[in-house]
Amino acid sequence: MTKDINNATIYGDKYYKSTKTGGNMTDLLNDESNLKLLREICSGSGVEINISELSRSLKKHRNTIRDRLEPLFENDIINKPIYPFSWLYQEYPLMVITRADLPRDEITNTFIEKDPHIFAAFFKKEGEYNTFIIQYHKDIYNYQQWRGGLVKEGKLPPRETRYPSEATFFSNQTFVKYNPSHLINLIENDINKIQGKLNDYKLDALSLQILKKLVYGEGIQTNENYLSEQLGIHRKTIERRISLLLKEKIILKPTCRFPRFVVPPNYTLVISLIEIKKHTDKIEKAWNNDHHVPIILRASTGRYTHLVFSCFYLTEDHAEWQETYDQRFSGCIGAVKNTYLSPSMTFSIAQHFVSLEIIKRRLEKIHGKTLVDMMKPDKEK
C-alpha cells in the first residue's frame, strides 16, 4: 500500500501526515514539557534495548544476546535507539540539494557540522563543484535569507572567490516512500556478496536477526522512570505524552538506524533524478517493493518526475539494477541523472542534529516568551 504521503500510510519505518490541521499538533509543540521530553527521547536518552524481549523472541540466553548486541554498536553498524522526529518534514517542508564550491578549511567544516539546516554533506567533485549538500528549510524565502547570511556572518568566503552554487528544490510533502528500515532486507539478500561483514565485523545468523529486529523497532523499550527523574514529571504522564506524540505523528516508534541514516555500512548511496514517461503507478509500486530503495519523492525539476534514494554494495550493481528496470518497463523511463556517494565521500550526516535544533529553538522561543511575560506589569499579565 503506497500513496502520496499527504494522505498516505507507508509501511515499514512509517511516516504519516495527520488528517488533522493545525490545532492539536501545534499545541503539543508549544508545550514546554513536551519539548523537553522530545529533546530527551529524540536524542536517545531514556530509550534502551530490551535484552529480555530479544532473548524471548529469539529463544536465546540473555548473555548470548548481549554478546552479539554490543559489537553492533562498537563497530558502528547501527546507532543506539531513538524516537525519530518525523515532524521535521512538516517544520521544514523544503528540501534543497546543493552542489557547491567550498574551501576545505576549519571554518567551512564547522559551518557544515553546526548549521541547523544541513542534514548531510559529501565531498563530491563534479565539474566546478566539490561539495554535495542536503538541507531542509521552511520555504524558498527562508532559504534565500539563510544563504544570504552565510557570507555576512563569515561562515563562507565571498562569492567572487568561488564558483556560484547550484541548488535544486524538492517538497518534503511528496514522499511516495519513506522506509529507512527497508535496507536491512538488502543486507540479508547481499550477505554472501558482502562476505557476511559490515565495517569488517563478521555477522553470524543471530547477529543478523538482532540487527533486523532493532532496525524495525523490536526489542526497544522506554525507561519512563529515568525520564521521570530527569524531567520531574510522573512516569504515567510520560507514558501519556509519548502516546499522544506518537498518535499525532510528531515522532515515530523508537528504532535503531544506520549511522549514515538510510545507507548501511560499506554501501554506496545513489541519488537519482528520474523521468517517468508513463505507467507511473506501476513503477512506483515496483520501487516500493524494492529493497534497494528507502526513499522516493515526486519531483518537478526540468524533465524529471522523481527523486529516488537507493543503495548498492557495488556501483556495477546499480548499473545492472537500472538496466533491469529499463527492460521491465520498456519505453516508460526516460532521462536519468545519477549522483554516486560512497562511504569515503561522506563528510557528515546529521540525522538527529537538525531535529534537535528545531526542538531547541522552540524551547528558546517559549523561554523568551516566559521571560517577557514575567517582566510585564500586573495589568498586562
Protein backbone atom coordinates (compact mmCIF):
# COMPACT_ATOMS: atom_id res chain seq x y z
CA MET A 1 0.00 0.00 0.00
CA THR A 2 1.64 3.24 -1.12
CA LYS A 3 0.25 6.65 -1.90
CA ASP A 4 1.30 10.29 -1.79
CA ILE A 5 2.47 11.00 1.73
CA ASN A 6 -0.04 13.83 2.10
CA ASN A 7 -2.72 11.23 2.74
CA ALA A 8 -0.78 8.01 2.91
CA THR A 9 0.20 5.23 5.23
CA ILE A 10 3.59 3.93 4.18
CA TYR A 11 4.62 0.59 5.62
CA GLY A 12 7.84 -0.28 7.41
CA ASP A 13 9.56 2.61 9.20
CA LYS A 14 6.41 4.64 8.73
CA TYR A 15 5.96 8.31 8.08
CA TYR A 16 2.43 9.69 8.27
CA LYS A 17 0.76 13.00 7.79
CA SER A 18 -2.07 13.56 10.24
CA THR A 19 -5.53 14.24 8.88
CA LYS A 20 -5.84 16.99 11.47
CA THR A 21 -4.73 20.52 10.67
CA GLY A 22 -3.05 22.97 12.99
CA GLY A 23 -4.71 22.80 16.42
CA ASN A 24 -3.68 19.79 18.41
CA MET A 25 -0.20 19.25 16.98
CA THR A 26 0.67 22.95 17.24
CA ASP A 27 -0.40 22.94 20.88
CA LEU A 28 1.71 19.86 21.59
CA LEU A 29 4.79 21.53 20.13
CA ASN A 30 4.22 24.73 22.10
CA ASP A 31 4.19 22.84 25.40
CA GLU A 32 7.47 23.14 27.33
CA SER A 33 7.19 19.71 28.98
CA ASN A 34 6.53 18.02 25.63
CA LEU A 35 9.53 19.75 24.07
CA LYS A 36 11.80 18.74 26.94
CA LEU A 37 10.54 15.18 26.60
CA LEU A 38 11.16 15.28 22.84
CA ARG A 39 14.67 16.59 23.45
CA GLU A 40 15.38 13.53 25.58
CA ILE A 41 13.83 10.74 23.54
CA CYS A 42 14.82 12.10 20.11
CA SER A 43 18.45 12.09 21.27
CA GLY A 44 18.09 8.56 22.67
CA SER A 45 18.01 9.48 26.36
CA GLY A 46 15.72 7.05 28.20
CA VAL A 47 15.44 4.79 25.13
CA GLU A 48 17.04 1.37 25.67
CA ILE A 49 17.48 -2.09 24.23
CA ASN A 50 15.21 -4.63 25.90
CA ILE A 51 17.54 -7.63 26.10
CA SER A 52 14.87 -9.73 27.85
CA GLU A 53 12.44 -9.21 24.99
CA LEU A 54 15.08 -10.07 22.39
CA SER A 55 16.01 -13.14 24.43
CA ARG A 56 12.40 -14.36 24.50
CA SER A 57 11.63 -13.63 20.86
CA LEU A 58 14.84 -15.22 19.58
CA LYS A 59 14.86 -18.03 22.16
CA LYS A 60 18.44 -17.33 23.21
CA HIS A 61 20.03 -16.68 26.61
CA ARG A 62 20.35 -13.04 27.68
CA ASN A 63 24.14 -13.27 27.76
CA THR A 64 24.20 -14.64 24.23
CA ILE A 65 22.06 -11.74 23.04
CA ARG A 66 24.28 -9.25 24.85
CA ASP A 67 27.44 -10.76 23.33
CA ARG A 68 26.04 -10.30 19.81
CA LEU A 69 24.46 -6.92 20.53
CA GLU A 70 27.43 -4.94 21.82
CA PRO A 71 29.62 -5.37 18.70
CA LEU A 72 26.83 -3.94 16.53
CA PHE A 73 27.28 -0.62 18.34
CA GLU A 74 31.03 -0.87 18.91
CA ASN A 75 31.64 -1.39 15.17
CA ASP A 76 29.30 1.45 14.14
CA ILE A 77 26.93 -0.85 12.32
CA ILE A 78 23.88 0.79 13.90
CA ASN A 79 23.28 3.69 16.27
CA LYS A 80 21.70 3.47 19.71
CA PRO A 81 17.88 3.65 19.65
CA ILE A 82 15.97 6.93 19.37
CA TYR A 83 12.45 8.15 18.68
CA PRO A 84 12.69 9.66 15.15
CA PHE A 85 11.30 13.21 14.99
CA SER A 86 9.02 12.86 11.98
CA TRP A 87 7.70 16.41 12.46
CA LEU A 88 10.96 17.51 10.85
CA TYR A 89 9.33 17.24 7.42
CA GLN A 90 6.39 19.42 8.49
CA GLU A 91 8.62 22.02 10.15
CA TYR A 92 10.88 22.09 7.08
CA PRO A 93 8.76 21.20 4.02
CA LEU A 94 11.51 22.29 1.61
CA MET A 95 14.46 20.06 0.71
CA VAL A 96 17.33 21.77 -1.06
CA ILE A 97 20.09 19.79 -2.76
CA THR A 98 23.10 21.99 -3.44
CA ARG A 99 26.27 21.48 -5.42
CA ALA A 100 28.82 23.95 -4.09
CA ASP A 101 32.43 25.05 -4.46
CA LEU A 102 33.62 25.36 -0.87
CA PRO A 103 37.08 25.76 0.69
CA ARG A 104 38.49 22.90 2.71
CA ASP A 105 39.19 24.71 5.96
CA GLU A 106 38.16 24.62 9.60
CA ILE A 107 35.66 27.48 9.27
CA THR A 108 33.77 25.74 6.48
CA ASN A 109 33.90 22.37 8.23
CA THR A 110 32.46 23.90 11.40
CA PHE A 111 29.73 25.61 9.39
CA ILE A 112 28.69 22.32 7.77
CA GLU A 113 28.75 20.43 11.08
CA LYS A 114 26.90 23.04 13.14
CA ASP A 115 24.42 24.62 10.76
CA PRO A 116 20.87 23.67 11.86
CA HIS A 117 19.64 23.31 8.27
CA ILE A 118 22.30 20.96 6.86
CA PHE A 119 21.20 17.35 7.05
CA ALA A 120 24.04 15.77 5.07
CA ALA A 121 27.20 16.81 3.25
CA PHE A 122 29.53 14.86 0.97
CA PHE A 123 32.90 15.52 -0.66
CA LYS A 124 31.88 15.21 -4.29
CA LYS A 125 34.00 16.52 -7.15
CA GLU A 126 31.74 17.33 -10.09
CA GLY A 127 32.74 19.95 -12.64
CA GLU A 128 33.44 23.18 -10.75
CA TYR A 129 31.87 21.81 -7.56
CA ASN A 130 33.46 19.86 -4.73
CA THR A 131 30.65 19.53 -2.17
CA PHE A 132 27.17 17.97 -2.28
CA ILE A 133 24.78 19.19 0.46
CA ILE A 134 21.25 18.23 1.51
CA GLN A 135 19.43 20.91 3.51
CA TYR A 136 15.96 21.45 4.99
CA HIS A 137 14.18 24.82 5.14
CA LYS A 138 10.71 26.27 5.78
CA ASP A 139 10.36 27.79 2.30
CA ILE A 140 12.32 29.43 -0.50
CA TYR A 141 12.26 32.84 1.20
CA ASN A 142 13.82 31.43 4.37
CA TYR A 143 16.35 29.52 2.28
CA GLN A 144 17.35 32.75 0.49
CA GLN A 145 17.65 34.60 3.81
CA TRP A 146 19.80 31.79 5.20
CA ARG A 147 22.02 31.67 2.14
CA GLY A 148 22.42 35.45 2.05
CA GLY A 149 23.58 35.49 5.65
CA LEU A 150 26.37 32.94 5.23
CA VAL A 151 28.89 35.40 3.77
CA LYS A 152 27.80 38.27 6.03
CA GLU A 153 28.34 36.09 9.08
CA GLY A 154 31.73 34.89 7.85
CA LYS A 155 30.67 31.27 7.51
CA LEU A 156 31.63 31.20 3.83
CA PRO A 157 34.07 33.30 1.77
CA PRO A 158 32.70 35.95 -0.67
CA ARG A 159 31.03 34.69 -3.84
CA GLU A 160 33.68 36.24 -6.09
CA THR A 161 36.28 33.86 -4.65
CA ARG A 162 34.38 30.67 -5.51
CA TYR A 163 32.12 29.23 -8.19
CA PRO A 164 28.39 30.01 -7.61
CA SER A 165 26.41 27.15 -6.06
CA GLU A 166 23.68 25.26 -7.89
CA ALA A 167 20.51 24.49 -5.90
CA THR A 168 17.61 22.18 -6.74
CA PHE A 169 14.35 22.29 -4.77
CA PHE A 170 12.05 19.47 -3.68
CA SER A 171 8.99 19.21 -1.47
CA ASN A 172 9.05 17.04 1.65
CA GLN A 173 5.28 16.77 1.24
CA THR A 174 5.59 14.50 -1.80
CA PHE A 175 7.02 11.30 -0.31
CA VAL A 176 5.99 8.20 -2.21
CA LYS A 177 8.11 6.02 0.06
CA TYR A 178 9.89 6.69 3.34
CA ASN A 179 11.28 3.47 4.76
CA PRO A 180 14.85 3.68 6.16
CA SER A 181 14.38 0.23 7.72
CA HIS A 182 13.92 -1.44 4.34
CA LEU A 183 17.69 -1.65 3.78
CA ILE A 184 18.07 -4.47 6.32
CA ASN A 185 16.40 -6.74 3.75
CA LEU A 186 19.04 -5.69 1.24
CA ILE A 187 21.77 -6.74 3.67
CA GLU A 188 20.07 -10.13 4.05
CA ASN A 189 19.99 -10.57 0.29
CA ASP A 190 23.62 -9.46 -0.08
CA ILE A 191 25.00 -11.46 2.84
CA ASN A 192 27.18 -13.64 0.61
CA LYS A 193 28.26 -10.73 -1.58
CA ILE A 194 29.46 -8.75 1.45
CA GLN A 195 31.05 -11.94 2.86
CA GLY A 196 28.88 -11.55 5.95
CA LYS A 197 30.77 -8.42 7.02
CA LEU A 198 29.78 -4.85 7.82
CA ASN A 199 32.59 -2.48 8.82
CA ASP A 200 34.85 -5.56 8.91
CA TYR A 201 32.70 -7.17 11.60
CA LYS A 202 31.55 -10.70 10.78
CA LEU A 203 27.82 -11.16 11.26
CA ASP A 204 26.52 -14.58 12.17
CA ALA A 205 22.87 -15.62 11.77
CA LEU A 206 21.93 -14.44 15.27
CA SER A 207 23.64 -11.05 14.83
CA LEU A 208 21.66 -10.51 11.65
CA GLN A 209 18.40 -11.46 13.40
CA ILE A 210 19.11 -8.99 16.21
CA LEU A 211 20.06 -6.29 13.72
CA LYS A 212 16.83 -6.80 11.79
CA LYS A 213 14.67 -6.59 14.92
CA LEU A 214 16.35 -3.40 16.13
CA VAL A 215 16.11 -1.68 12.75
CA TYR A 216 12.38 -2.48 12.67
CA GLY A 217 11.93 -1.19 16.22
CA GLU A 218 11.54 -4.51 18.02
CA GLY A 219 13.28 -5.16 21.33
CA ILE A 220 13.41 -1.47 22.24
CA GLN A 221 11.89 -0.01 25.39
CA THR A 222 11.38 3.39 27.00
CA ASN A 223 12.67 3.93 30.55
CA GLU A 224 9.85 6.09 31.89
CA ASN A 225 11.33 6.05 35.40
CA TYR A 226 14.58 7.57 34.17
CA LEU A 227 12.73 10.21 32.13
CA SER A 228 10.50 10.97 35.12
CA GLU A 229 13.57 11.68 37.27
CA GLN A 230 15.20 13.78 34.56
CA LEU A 231 12.15 15.90 33.81
CA GLY A 232 10.35 15.94 37.15
CA ILE A 233 7.20 14.50 35.56
CA HIS A 234 5.26 11.46 36.80
CA ARG A 235 6.04 8.31 34.82
CA LYS A 236 2.36 7.85 33.88
CA THR A 237 2.38 11.36 32.48
CA ILE A 238 5.49 10.46 30.47
CA GLU A 239 3.65 7.45 29.03
CA ARG A 240 0.58 9.53 28.11
CA ARG A 241 2.63 12.26 26.49
CA ILE A 242 4.68 9.83 24.39
CA SER A 243 1.49 8.04 23.35
CA LEU A 244 -0.04 11.34 22.19
CA LEU A 245 3.12 12.40 20.34
CA LEU A 246 3.06 9.05 18.52
CA LYS A 247 -0.63 9.34 17.77
CA GLU A 248 -0.18 12.80 16.25
CA LYS A 249 2.81 11.56 14.17
CA ILE A 250 5.23 14.06 15.71
CA ILE A 251 7.52 11.11 16.44
CA LEU A 252 7.77 7.57 15.11
CA LYS A 253 8.16 4.48 17.25
CA PRO A 254 11.71 4.01 18.56
CA THR A 255 14.21 2.35 16.28
CA CYS A 256 17.92 1.87 15.65
CA ARG A 257 19.20 3.41 12.43
CA PHE A 258 22.38 3.12 10.44
CA PRO A 259 24.97 5.84 11.20
CA ARG A 260 24.56 7.09 7.61
CA PHE A 261 20.76 7.16 8.01
CA VAL A 262 19.44 5.18 5.03
CA VAL A 263 22.81 3.79 3.97
CA PRO A 264 24.16 0.55 5.51
CA PRO A 265 27.89 0.45 6.28
CA ASN A 266 30.08 -0.15 3.19
CA TYR A 267 27.21 0.66 0.81
CA THR A 268 27.10 3.46 -1.77
CA LEU A 269 24.20 5.90 -1.78
CA VAL A 270 22.84 6.78 -5.22
CA ILE A 271 20.63 9.87 -5.53
CA SER A 272 18.81 9.84 -8.86
CA LEU A 273 16.62 12.26 -10.74
CA ILE A 274 14.41 10.09 -12.94
CA GLU A 275 11.90 10.87 -15.66
CA ILE A 276 8.90 8.55 -15.83
CA LYS A 277 7.06 8.93 -19.14
CA LYS A 278 4.16 6.56 -18.49
CA HIS A 279 2.87 3.88 -16.10
CA THR A 280 3.95 5.89 -13.07
CA ASP A 281 1.82 3.82 -10.68
CA LYS A 282 3.41 0.54 -11.79
CA ILE A 283 6.96 1.85 -11.47
CA GLU A 284 6.27 3.44 -8.07
CA LYS A 285 4.82 0.14 -6.87
CA ALA A 286 7.95 -1.69 -8.01
CA TRP A 287 10.17 0.83 -6.22
CA ASN A 288 8.11 0.48 -3.06
CA ASN A 289 8.76 -3.26 -3.04
CA ASP A 290 12.44 -2.82 -3.88
CA HIS A 291 14.90 -3.35 -1.00
CA HIS A 292 17.43 -1.07 -2.68
CA VAL A 293 15.14 1.96 -2.38
CA PRO A 294 14.44 3.55 1.03
CA ILE A 295 13.13 6.98 -0.10
CA ILE A 296 11.18 8.28 -3.10
CA LEU A 297 9.80 11.78 -3.65
CA ARG A 298 7.83 13.13 -6.57
CA ALA A 299 9.65 16.00 -8.25
CA SER A 300 9.19 18.67 -10.88
CA THR A 301 12.69 19.58 -11.98
CA GLY A 302 13.11 20.07 -15.69
CA ARG A 303 12.02 16.82 -17.30
CA TYR A 304 12.50 14.78 -14.12
CA THR A 305 9.45 13.49 -12.22
CA HIS A 306 11.01 11.66 -9.25
CA LEU A 307 13.87 11.90 -6.79
CA VAL A 308 15.00 8.42 -5.73
CA PHE A 309 17.46 7.43 -2.99
CA SER A 310 18.88 3.94 -3.49
CA CYS A 311 21.76 1.89 -2.02
CA PHE A 312 24.14 -0.65 -3.53
CA TYR A 313 27.18 -2.56 -2.35
CA LEU A 314 28.93 -2.12 -5.71
CA THR A 315 28.36 0.63 -8.27
CA GLU A 316 28.09 -2.01 -11.00
CA ASP A 317 25.13 -3.43 -9.07
CA HIS A 318 23.36 -0.13 -9.65
CA ALA A 319 24.04 -0.25 -13.39
CA GLU A 320 22.57 -3.76 -13.53
CA TRP A 321 19.59 -2.69 -11.40
CA GLN A 322 18.92 0.29 -13.65
CA GLU A 323 19.07 -1.88 -16.77
CA THR A 324 16.60 -4.33 -15.20
CA TYR A 325 14.07 -1.52 -14.77
CA ASP A 326 14.64 -0.31 -18.33
CA GLN A 327 13.90 -3.80 -19.63
CA ARG A 328 10.98 -4.41 -17.26
CA PHE A 329 9.33 -1.06 -18.09
CA SER A 330 10.39 -0.64 -21.70
CA GLY A 331 9.69 2.84 -23.03
CA CYS A 332 8.48 4.12 -19.65
CA ILE A 333 11.67 5.53 -18.13
CA GLY A 334 13.30 8.50 -19.84
CA ALA A 335 16.18 10.64 -18.66
CA VAL A 336 18.15 9.67 -15.54
CA LYS A 337 20.75 11.71 -13.65
CA ASN A 338 22.68 9.77 -11.00
CA THR A 339 24.91 11.02 -8.19
CA TYR A 340 27.07 8.34 -6.53
CA LEU A 341 28.07 8.97 -2.91
CA SER A 342 30.42 6.34 -1.50
CA PRO A 343 31.21 5.93 2.23
CA SER A 344 34.56 7.70 1.76
CA MET A 345 32.79 10.78 0.37
CA THR A 346 30.65 11.26 3.47
CA PHE A 347 31.55 14.39 5.43
CA SER A 348 28.61 14.38 7.82
CA ILE A 349 25.06 13.07 8.14
CA ALA A 350 23.30 14.87 10.99
CA GLN A 351 20.13 12.81 11.10
CA HIS A 352 19.38 13.80 14.72
CA PHE A 353 21.06 17.21 14.92
CA VAL A 354 18.63 19.06 12.63
CA SER A 355 15.64 17.68 14.55
CA LEU A 356 17.14 18.53 17.94
CA GLU A 357 17.88 22.08 16.76
CA ILE A 358 14.19 22.51 15.88
CA ILE A 359 13.21 21.37 19.38
CA LYS A 360 15.89 23.63 20.90
CA ARG A 361 14.61 26.72 19.04
CA ARG A 362 11.03 26.01 20.06
CA LEU A 363 12.13 25.77 23.68
CA GLU A 364 14.09 29.02 23.41
CA LYS A 365 11.01 30.71 21.96
CA ILE A 366 8.90 29.55 24.90
CA HIS A 367 11.55 30.64 27.41
CA GLY A 368 11.76 34.02 25.69
CA LYS A 369 8.01 34.49 25.92
CA THR A 370 8.01 33.42 29.55
CA LEU A 371 10.68 35.99 30.39
CA VAL A 372 8.76 38.76 28.62
CA ASP A 373 5.56 37.79 30.45
CA MET A 374 7.34 37.91 33.82
CA MET A 375 8.57 41.44 33.09
CA LYS A 376 5.10 42.77 32.18
CA PRO A 377 3.24 44.97 34.68
CA ASP A 378 0.48 43.13 36.58
CA LYS A 379 -2.26 44.79 34.48
CA GLU A 380 -0.80 43.35 31.30
CA LYS A 381 -0.40 39.80 32.57
